[in-house]
Amino acid sequence: MKKNSSKLKHQEEQRAAVQQQTAQQKTALEFATPEELLRHDAGQVSPPPAVARRLGESIAREPRPSRSWWQRFLRL
């Protein structure tokens, strides 16, 4: 009986490995530009909290862009 259960377990492991390989192959993506790759990666991975905090502080220190001439003219 042990021989059959070990054989069954081995078959299940092989089946799981094959399914994992096919799943990985199906998820392969192609990107036209590096920017698309970075955008996709940013959507999948979140930065560590310390990095996110420092990035937020850095962005807050950036000067605001000046308004365009038509916004100043229309006082928007």
PDB file of N, CA and C in Angstrom:
ATOM      1  N   MET A   1       0.821  -1.190   0.000  1.00  0.00           N
ATOM      2  CA  MET A   1       0.000   0.000   0.000  1.00  0.00           C
ATOM      3  C   MET A   1       0.863   1.250   0.000  1.00  0.00           C
ATOM      4  N   LYS A   2       1.975   1.217   0.745  1.00  0.00           N
ATOM      5  CA  LYS A   2       2.847   2.377   0.775  1.00  0.00           C
ATOM      6  C   LYS A   2       3.434   2.674  -0.601  1.00  0.00           C
ATOM      7  N   LYS A   3       3.701   1.626  -1.363  1.00  0.00           N
ATOM      8  CA  LYS A   3       4.280   1.812  -2.693  1.00  0.00           C
ATOM      9  C   LYS A   3       3.318   2.584  -3.586  1.00  0.00           C
ATOM     10  N   ASN A   4       2.041   2.250  -3.521  1.00  0.00           N
ATOM     11  CA  ASN A   4       1.042   2.944  -4.336  1.00  0.00           C
ATOM     12  C   ASN A   4       0.875   4.394  -3.901  1.00  0.00           C
ATOM     13  N   SER A   5       0.895   4.651  -2.599  1.00  0.00           N
ATOM     14  CA  SER A   5       0.711   6.016  -2.131  1.00  0.00           C
ATOM     15  C   SER A   5       1.907   6.888  -2.494  1.00  0.00           C
ATOM     16  N   SER A   6       3.110   6.324  -2.460  1.00  0.00           N
ATOM     17  CA  SER A   6       4.284   7.124  -2.842  1.00  0.00           C
ATOM     18  C   SER A   6       4.277   7.388  -4.341  1.00  0.00           C
ATOM     19  N   LYS A   7       3.813   6.408  -5.124  1.00  0.00           N
ATOM     20  CA  LYS A   7       3.719   6.602  -6.568  1.00  0.00           C
ATOM     21  C   LYS A   7       2.678   7.674  -6.893  1.00  0.00           C
ATOM     22  N   LEU A   8       1.568   7.629  -6.187  1.00  0.00           N
ATOM     23  CA  LEU A   8       0.515   8.623  -6.380  1.00  0.00           C
ATOM     24  C   LEU A   8       1.009  10.016  -5.999  1.00  0.00           C
ATOM     25  N   LYS A   9       1.723  10.089  -4.900  1.00  0.00           N
ATOM     26  CA  LYS A   9       2.269  11.372  -4.451  1.00  0.00           C
ATOM     27  C   LYS A   9       3.249  11.930  -5.476  1.00  0.00           C
ATOM     28  N   HIS A  10       4.081  11.041  -6.039  1.00  0.00           N
ATOM     29  CA  HIS A  10       5.052  11.465  -7.043  1.00  0.00           C
ATOM     30  C   HIS A  10       4.336  11.998  -8.286  1.00  0.00           C
ATOM     31  N   GLN A  11       3.270  11.300  -8.706  1.00  0.00           N
ATOM     32  CA  GLN A  11       2.507  11.742  -9.873  1.00  0.00           C
ATOM     33  C   GLN A  11       1.858  13.107  -9.622  1.00  0.00           C
ATOM     34  N   GLU A  12       1.335  13.298  -8.425  1.00  0.00           N
ATOM     35  CA  GLU A  12       0.718  14.582  -8.090  1.00  0.00           C
ATOM     36  C   GLU A  12       1.743  15.704  -8.101  1.00  0.00           C
ATOM     37  N   GLU A  13       2.940  15.422  -7.593  1.00  0.00           N
ATOM     38  CA  GLU A  13       4.003  16.435  -7.588  1.00  0.00           C
ATOM     39  C   GLU A  13       4.393  16.796  -9.013  1.00  0.00           C
ATOM     40  N   GLN A  14       4.501  15.787  -9.877  1.00  0.00           N
ATOM     41  CA  GLN A  14       4.847  16.050 -11.271  1.00  0.00           C
ATOM     42  C   GLN A  14       3.761  16.883 -11.946  1.00  0.00           C
ATOM     43  N   ARG A  15       2.510  16.533 -11.700  1.00  0.00           N
ATOM     44  CA  ARG A  15       1.388  17.265 -12.294  1.00  0.00           C
ATOM     45  C   ARG A  15       1.386  18.716 -11.825  1.00  0.00           C
ATOM     46  N   ALA A  16       1.655  18.927 -10.545  1.00  0.00           N
ATOM     47  CA  ALA A  16       1.699  20.283 -10.001  1.00  0.00           C
ATOM     48  C   ALA A  16       2.838  21.081 -10.622  1.00  0.00           C
ATOM     49  N   ALA A  17       3.984  20.432 -10.817  1.00  0.00           N
ATOM     50  CA  ALA A  17       5.135  21.116 -11.419  1.00  0.00           C
ATOM     51  C   ALA A  17       4.832  21.514 -12.858  1.00  0.00           C
ATOM     52  N   VAL A  18       4.185  20.633 -13.607  1.00  0.00           N
ATOM     53  CA  VAL A  18       3.834  20.934 -14.995  1.00  0.00           C
ATOM     54  C   VAL A  18       2.827  22.074 -15.051  1.00  0.00           C
ATOM     55  N   GLN A  19       1.846  22.064 -14.169  1.00  0.00           N
ATOM     56  CA  GLN A  19       0.850  23.133 -14.139  1.00  0.00           C
ATOM     57  C   GLN A  19       1.498  24.468 -13.800  1.00  0.00           C
ATOM     58  N   GLN A  20       2.461  24.453 -12.890  1.00  0.00           N
ATOM     59  CA  GLN A  20       3.139  25.690 -12.519  1.00  0.00           C
ATOM     60  C   GLN A  20       3.946  26.225 -13.692  1.00  0.00           C
ATOM     61  N   GLN A  21       4.620  25.342 -14.421  1.00  0.00           N
ATOM     62  CA  GLN A  21       5.407  25.769 -15.577  1.00  0.00           C
ATOM     63  C   GLN A  21       4.518  26.364 -16.655  1.00  0.00           C
ATOM     64  N   THR A  22       3.380  25.726 -16.929  1.00  0.00           N
ATOM     65  CA  THR A  22       2.491  26.258 -17.964  1.00  0.00           C
ATOM     66  C   THR A  22       1.879  27.582 -17.525  1.00  0.00           C
ATOM     67  N   ALA A  23       1.607  27.743 -16.244  1.00  0.00           N
ATOM     68  CA  ALA A  23       1.073  29.011 -15.746  1.00  0.00           C
ATOM     69  C   ALA A  23       2.098  30.120 -15.908  1.00  0.00           C
ATOM     70  N   GLN A  24       3.359  29.811 -15.652  1.00  0.00           N
ATOM     71  CA  GLN A  24       4.414  30.811 -15.804  1.00  0.00           C
ATOM     72  C   GLN A  24       4.589  31.175 -17.268  1.00  0.00           C
ATOM     73  N   GLN A  25       4.464  30.224 -18.155  1.00  0.00           N
ATOM     74  CA  GLN A  25       4.621  30.506 -19.574  1.00  0.00           C
ATOM     75  C   GLN A  25       3.470  31.370 -20.088  1.00  0.00           C
ATOM     76  N   LYS A  26       2.273  31.165 -19.572  1.00  0.00           N
ATOM     77  CA  LYS A  26       1.123  31.949 -20.015  1.00  0.00           C
ATOM     78  C   LYS A  26       1.191  33.387 -19.538  1.00  0.00           C
ATOM     79  N   THR A  27       1.892  33.658 -18.452  1.00  0.00           N
ATOM     80  CA  THR A  27       1.928  35.003 -17.916  1.00  0.00           C
ATOM     81  C   THR A  27       3.051  35.845 -18.513  1.00  0.00           C
ATOM     82  N   ALA A  28       3.812  35.307 -19.431  1.00  0.00           N
ATOM     83  CA  ALA A  28       4.883  36.075 -20.056  1.00  0.00           C
ATOM     84  C   ALA A  28       4.275  37.222 -20.866  1.00  0.00           C
ATOM     85  N   LEU A  29       4.801  38.414 -20.666  1.00  0.00           N
ATOM     86  CA  LEU A  29       4.290  39.599 -21.347  1.00  0.00           C
ATOM     87  C   LEU A  29       5.404  40.246 -22.155  1.00  0.00           C
ATOM     88  N   GLU A  30       5.008  40.942 -23.203  1.00  0.00           N
ATOM     89  CA  GLU A  30       5.952  41.707 -23.998  1.00  0.00           C
ATOM     90  C   GLU A  30       5.593  43.172 -23.887  1.00  0.00           C
ATOM     91  N   PHE A  31       6.608  44.008 -23.776  1.00  0.00           N
ATOM     92  CA  PHE A  31       6.396  45.445 -23.650  1.00  0.00           C
ATOM     93  C   PHE A  31       7.104  46.149 -24.797  1.00  0.00           C
ATOM     94  N   ALA A  32       6.437  47.148 -25.349  1.00  0.00           N
ATOM     95  CA  ALA A  32       6.999  47.888 -26.470  1.00  0.00           C
ATOM     96  C   ALA A  32       8.079  48.858 -26.008  1.00  0.00           C
ATOM     97  N   THR A  33       7.918  49.389 -24.804  1.00  0.00           N
ATOM     98  CA  THR A  33       8.890  50.358 -24.293  1.00  0.00           C
ATOM     99  C   THR A  33       9.248  50.023 -22.852  1.00  0.00           C
ATOM    100  N   PRO A  34      10.397  50.500 -22.404  1.00  0.00           N
ATOM    101  CA  PRO A  34      10.764  50.291 -21.000  1.00  0.00           C
ATOM    102  C   PRO A  34       9.772  50.947 -20.038  1.00  0.00           C
ATOM    103  N   GLU A  35       9.179  52.054 -20.458  1.00  0.00           N
ATOM    104  CA  GLU A  35       8.211  52.734 -19.603  1.00  0.00           C
ATOM    105  C   GLU A  35       6.999  51.855 -19.327  1.00  0.00           C
ATOM    106  N   GLU A  36       6.551  51.122 -20.348  1.00  0.00           N
ATOM    107  CA  GLU A  36       5.418  50.213 -20.148  1.00  0.00           C
ATOM    108  C   GLU A  36       5.780  49.127 -19.136  1.00  0.00           C
ATOM    109  N   LEU A  37       6.980  48.618 -19.225  1.00  0.00           N
ATOM    110  CA  LEU A  37       7.442  47.610 -18.272  1.00  0.00           C
ATOM    111  C   LEU A  37       7.442  48.167 -16.852  1.00  0.00           C
ATOM    112  N   LEU A  38       7.954  49.387 -16.687  1.00  0.00           N
ATOM    113  CA  LEU A  38       8.000  49.996 -15.357  1.00  0.00           C
ATOM    114  C   LEU A  38       6.608  50.264 -14.812  1.00  0.00           C
ATOM    115  N   ARG A  39       5.692  50.713 -15.667  1.00  0.00           N
ATOM    116  CA  ARG A  39       4.320  50.948 -15.217  1.00  0.00           C
ATOM    117  C   ARG A  39       3.653  49.641 -14.778  1.00  0.00           C
ATOM    118  N   HIS A  40       3.868  48.597 -15.553  1.00  0.00           N
ATOM    119  CA  HIS A  40       3.296  47.299 -15.197  1.00  0.00           C
ATOM    120  C   HIS A  40       3.886  46.811 -13.877  1.00  0.00           C
ATOM    121  N   ASP A  41       5.181  46.935 -13.734  1.00  0.00           N
ATOM    122  CA  ASP A  41       5.843  46.485 -12.513  1.00  0.00           C
ATOM    123  C   ASP A  41       5.366  47.292 -11.308  1.00  0.00           C
ATOM    124  N   ALA A  42       5.188  48.584 -11.484  1.00  0.00           N
ATOM    125  CA  ALA A  42       4.721  49.433 -10.384  1.00  0.00           C
ATOM    126  C   ALA A  42       3.322  49.020  -9.939  1.00  0.00           C
ATOM    127  N   GLY A  43       2.510  48.548 -10.856  1.00  0.00           N
ATOM    128  CA  GLY A  43       1.182  48.091 -10.495  1.00  0.00           C
ATOM    129  C   GLY A  43       1.182  46.763  -9.757  1.00  0.00           C
ATOM    130  N   GLN A  44       2.236  45.994  -9.914  1.00  0.00           N
ATOM    131  CA  GLN A  44       2.317  44.673  -9.297  1.00  0.00           C
ATOM    132  C   GLN A  44       3.046  44.674  -7.957  1.00  0.00           C
ATOM    133  N   VAL A  45       3.965  45.623  -7.772  1.00  0.00           N
ATOM    134  CA  VAL A  45       4.834  45.621  -6.594  1.00  0.00           C
ATOM    135  C   VAL A  45       4.683  46.939  -5.848  1.00  0.00           C
ATOM    136  N   SER A  46       4.538  46.869  -4.556  1.00  0.00           N
ATOM    137  CA  SER A  46       4.479  48.104  -3.771  1.00  0.00           C
ATOM    138  C   SER A  46       5.826  48.323  -3.082  1.00  0.00           C
ATOM    139  N   PRO A  47       6.271  49.571  -3.005  1.00  0.00           N
ATOM    140  CA  PRO A  47       7.573  49.838  -2.385  1.00  0.00           C
ATOM    141  C   PRO A  47       7.502  49.649  -0.875  1.00  0.00           C
ATOM    142  N   PRO A  48       8.641  49.427  -0.257  1.00  0.00           N
ATOM    143  CA  PRO A  48       8.663  49.337   1.203  1.00  0.00           C
ATOM    144  C   PRO A  48       8.157  50.648   1.813  1.00  0.00           C
ATOM    145  N   PRO A  49       7.552  50.612   2.994  1.00  0.00           N
ATOM    146  CA  PRO A  49       6.963  51.819   3.597  1.00  0.00           C
ATOM    147  C   PRO A  49       7.966  52.961   3.766  1.00  0.00           C
ATOM    148  N   ALA A  50       9.199  52.660   4.133  1.00  0.00           N
ATOM    149  CA  ALA A  50      10.196  53.718   4.316  1.00  0.00           C
ATOM    150  C   ALA A  50      10.498  54.422   2.998  1.00  0.00           C
ATOM    151  N   VAL A  51      10.597  53.664   1.919  1.00  0.00           N
ATOM    152  CA  VAL A  51      10.866  54.255   0.606  1.00  0.00           C
ATOM    153  C   VAL A  51       9.673  55.087   0.152  1.00  0.00           C
ATOM    154  N   ALA A  52       8.473  54.582   0.351  1.00  0.00           N
ATOM    155  CA  ALA A  52       7.271  55.324  -0.036  1.00  0.00           C
ATOM    156  C   ALA A  52       7.184  56.643   0.731  1.00  0.00           C
ATOM    157  N   ARG A  53       7.516  56.631   2.009  1.00  0.00           N
ATOM    158  CA  ARG A  53       7.472  57.851   2.822  1.00  0.00           C
ATOM    159  C   ARG A  53       8.499  58.866   2.316  1.00  0.00           C
ATOM    160  N   ARG A  54       9.734  58.408   2.064  1.00  0.00           N
ATOM    161  CA  ARG A  54      10.776  59.324   1.580  1.00  0.00           C
ATOM    162  C   ARG A  54      10.421  59.882   0.213  1.00  0.00           C
ATOM    163  N   LEU A  55       9.826  59.064  -0.631  1.00  0.00           N
ATOM    164  CA  LEU A  55       9.421  59.534  -1.957  1.00  0.00           C
ATOM    165  C   LEU A  55       8.339  60.600  -1.840  1.00  0.00           C
ATOM    166  N   GLY A  56       7.372  60.379  -0.957  1.00  0.00           N
ATOM    167  CA  GLY A  56       6.317  61.369  -0.743  1.00  0.00           C
ATOM    168  C   GLY A  56       6.868  62.687  -0.238  1.00  0.00           C
ATOM    169  N   GLU A  57       7.835  62.609   0.688  1.00  0.00           N
ATOM    170  CA  GLU A  57       8.457  63.837   1.201  1.00  0.00           C
ATOM    171  C   GLU A  57       9.222  64.556   0.099  1.00  0.00           C
ATOM    172  N   SER A  58       9.914  63.806  -0.740  1.00  0.00           N
ATOM    173  CA  SER A  58      10.678  64.404  -1.831  1.00  0.00           C
ATOM    174  C   SER A  58       9.755  65.096  -2.830  1.00  0.00           C
ATOM    175  N   ILE A  59       8.645  64.460  -3.152  1.00  0.00           N
ATOM    176  CA  ILE A  59       7.700  65.055  -4.094  1.00  0.00           C
ATOM    177  C   ILE A  59       7.081  66.309  -3.496  1.00  0.00           C
ATOM    178  N   ALA A  60       6.815  66.313  -2.205  1.00  0.00           N
ATOM    179  CA  ALA A  60       6.224  67.481  -1.539  1.00  0.00           C
ATOM    180  C   ALA A  60       7.177  68.683  -1.577  1.00  0.00           C
ATOM    181  N   ARG A  61       8.469  68.448  -1.588  1.00  0.00           N
ATOM    182  CA  ARG A  61       9.451  69.550  -1.621  1.00  0.00           C
ATOM    183  C   ARG A  61       9.648  70.132  -3.009  1.00  0.00           C
ATOM    184  N   GLU A  62       9.194  69.438  -4.037  1.00  0.00           N
ATOM    185  CA  GLU A  62       9.356  69.935  -5.404  1.00  0.00           C
ATOM    186  C   GLU A  62       8.538  71.203  -5.601  1.00  0.00           C
ATOM    187  N   PRO A  63       9.086  72.183  -6.330  1.00  0.00           N
ATOM    188  CA  PRO A  63       8.312  73.407  -6.575  1.00  0.00           C
ATOM    189  C   PRO A  63       7.141  73.121  -7.514  1.00  0.00           C
ATOM    190  N   ARG A  64       6.050  73.824  -7.273  1.00  0.00           N
ATOM    191  CA  ARG A  64       4.881  73.650  -8.127  1.00  0.00           C
ATOM    192  C   ARG A  64       5.180  74.267  -9.492  1.00  0.00           C
ATOM    193  N   PRO A  65       4.692  73.658 -10.559  1.00  0.00           N
ATOM    194  CA  PRO A  65       4.921  74.237 -11.888  1.00  0.00           C
ATOM    195  C   PRO A  65       4.170  75.557 -12.013  1.00  0.00           C
ATOM    196  N   SER A  66       4.784  76.486 -12.727  1.00  0.00           N
ATOM    197  CA  SER A  66       4.118  77.784 -12.899  1.00  0.00           C
ATOM    198  C   SER A  66       2.913  77.625 -13.821  1.00  0.00           C
ATOM    199  N   ARG A  67       1.946  78.489 -13.607  1.00  0.00           N
ATOM    200  CA  ARG A  67       0.741  78.436 -14.429  1.00  0.00           C
ATOM    201  C   ARG A  67       1.067  78.936 -15.825  1.00  0.00           C
ATOM    202  N   SER A  68       0.351  78.411 -16.792  1.00  0.00           N
ATOM    203  CA  SER A  68       0.569  78.829 -18.170  1.00  0.00           C
ATOM    204  C   SER A  68       0.014  80.239 -18.385  1.00  0.00           C
ATOM    205  N   TRP A  69       0.406  80.864 -19.470  1.00  0.00           N
ATOM    206  CA  TRP A  69       0.011  82.242 -19.741  1.00  0.00           C
ATOM    207  C   TRP A  69      -1.498  82.380 -19.811  1.00  0.00           C
ATOM    208  N   TRP A  70      -2.195  81.366 -20.388  1.00  0.00           N
ATOM    209  CA  TRP A  70      -3.644  81.494 -20.541  1.00  0.00           C
ATOM    210  C   TRP A  70      -4.350  81.336 -19.182  1.00  0.00           C
ATOM    211  N   GLN A  71      -3.776  80.558 -18.274  1.00  0.00           N
ATOM    212  CA  GLN A  71      -4.355  80.459 -16.934  1.00  0.00           C
ATOM    213  C   GLN A  71      -4.176  81.761 -16.168  1.00  0.00           C
ATOM    214  N   ARG A  72      -3.008  82.374 -16.329  1.00  0.00           N
ATOM    215  CA  ARG A  72      -2.788  83.663 -15.671  1.00  0.00           C
ATOM    216  C   ARG A  72      -3.711  84.730 -16.270  1.00  0.00           C
ATOM    217  N   PHE A  73      -3.889  84.712 -17.585  1.00  0.00           N
ATOM    218  CA  PHE A  73      -4.737  85.675 -18.266  1.00  0.00           C
ATOM    219  C   PHE A  73      -6.197  85.549 -17.815  1.00  0.00           C
ATOM    220  N   LEU A  74      -6.672  84.304 -17.691  1.00  0.00           N
ATOM    221  CA  LEU A  74      -8.046  84.069 -17.296  1.00  0.00           C
ATOM    222  C   LEU A  74      -8.206  84.002 -15.770  1.00  0.00           C
ATOM    223  N   ARG A  75      -7.115  84.160 -15.056  1.00  0.00           N
ATOM    224  CA  ARG A  75      -7.083  84.105 -13.592  1.00  0.00           C
ATOM    225  C   ARG A  75      -7.665  82.819 -13.028  1.00  0.00           C
ATOM    226  N   LEU A  76      -7.237  81.708 -13.609  1.00  0.00           N
ATOM    227  CA  LEU A  76      -7.689  80.394 -13.127  1.00  0.00           C
ATOM    228  C   LEU A  76      -6.730  79.843 -12.104  1.00  0.00           C
TER     229      LEU A  76
END
